[in-house]
Amino acid sequence: MLLSDLQRKDIVNVIDGRNVGNIIDVKVEESTGTILSLIIEPSKNFFSFLGKREDAEIPWKSITKIGEDVILVKLGG
């Protein structure tokens, strides 16, 4: 799978069903090539409680499923 394939998928939090944001990059462990996290541009609604719209990081362990059109993540709760 290519980064561009991941960037086309919606990211949805399984806790509340909200769209989290869009993938803009990935963080990779240089020595192993393992993906550590997804770097996202948050949707305007998801991180609004922070008062900022800075890029956010979703740890790879928070991803529960990568489907054909969506990436399911478990954030909070």
Protein backbone atom coordinates (compact mmCIF):
# COMPACT_ATOMS: atom_id res chain seq x y z
CA MET A 1 0.00 0.00 0.00
CA LEU A 2 1.25 3.47 -0.85
CA LEU A 3 1.04 6.60 1.29
CA SER A 4 -1.17 8.11 -1.40
CA ASP A 5 -3.60 5.18 -0.93
CA LEU A 6 -3.79 5.90 2.80
CA GLN A 7 -4.29 9.62 2.20
CA ARG A 8 -7.49 8.96 0.24
CA LYS A 9 -9.14 7.12 3.13
CA ASP A 10 -11.35 8.74 5.76
CA ILE A 11 -10.14 8.36 9.35
CA VAL A 12 -12.98 7.61 11.76
CA ASN A 13 -12.82 7.30 15.55
CA VAL A 14 -14.65 4.12 16.62
CA ILE A 15 -15.44 5.66 20.03
CA ASP A 16 -17.76 8.36 18.68
CA GLY A 17 -17.95 7.86 14.90
CA ARG A 18 -16.45 11.25 14.11
CA ASN A 19 -14.14 11.99 11.20
CA VAL A 20 -10.72 12.66 12.71
CA GLY A 21 -8.91 14.32 9.81
CA ASN A 22 -6.72 13.67 6.78
CA ILE A 23 -3.36 11.91 6.64
CA ILE A 24 -0.58 14.22 5.56
CA ASP A 25 2.42 12.06 6.48
CA VAL A 26 3.63 9.00 8.38
CA LYS A 27 6.34 8.65 11.02
CA VAL A 28 8.66 5.70 10.35
CA GLU A 29 11.30 4.08 12.54
CA GLU A 30 14.41 4.54 10.41
CA SER A 31 16.26 1.42 11.49
CA THR A 32 13.37 -1.03 10.96
CA GLY A 33 11.05 0.72 8.50
CA THR A 34 8.15 0.19 10.92
CA ILE A 35 5.34 2.76 10.81
CA LEU A 36 5.11 4.42 14.23
CA SER A 37 2.24 6.84 13.66
CA LEU A 38 0.09 8.73 11.19
CA ILE A 39 0.46 12.50 11.03
CA ILE A 40 -2.89 14.10 10.32
CA GLU A 41 -4.35 17.48 9.66
CA PRO A 42 -7.26 17.36 12.11
CA SER A 43 -10.81 18.02 10.95
CA LYS A 44 -12.14 21.31 12.25
CA ASN A 45 -14.60 19.59 14.57
CA PHE A 46 -12.55 16.76 16.10
CA PHE A 47 -9.82 18.72 17.89
CA SER A 48 -11.79 21.95 18.34
CA PHE A 49 -11.70 21.57 22.14
CA LEU A 50 -7.96 22.28 21.97
CA GLY A 51 -8.56 25.64 20.34
CA LYS A 52 -5.86 24.91 17.76
CA ARG A 53 -5.73 23.20 14.41
CA GLU A 54 -2.17 21.97 14.51
CA ASP A 55 -1.11 18.70 12.98
CA ALA A 56 -1.78 15.73 15.25
CA GLU A 57 -0.21 12.30 15.58
CA ILE A 58 -2.13 9.03 15.79
CA PRO A 59 -0.02 6.16 17.16
CA TRP A 60 -0.02 3.07 14.96
CA LYS A 61 -1.30 1.01 17.93
CA SER A 62 -4.50 3.14 17.91
CA ILE A 63 -5.45 1.91 14.43
CA THR A 64 -8.01 -0.87 14.70
CA LYS A 65 -8.73 -1.52 11.01
CA ILE A 66 -7.68 -0.28 7.58
CA GLY A 67 -10.53 -0.89 5.18
CA GLU A 68 -11.10 -0.15 1.52
CA ASP A 69 -12.41 3.39 2.13
CA VAL A 70 -11.80 4.09 5.81
CA ILE A 71 -9.23 3.80 8.58
CA LEU A 72 -10.78 3.06 11.97
CA VAL A 73 -8.91 4.37 15.01
CA LYS A 74 -9.62 4.23 18.73
CA LEU A 75 -8.91 7.62 20.32
CA GLY A 76 -10.01 8.47 23.85
CA GLY A 77 -12.11 6.40 26.19
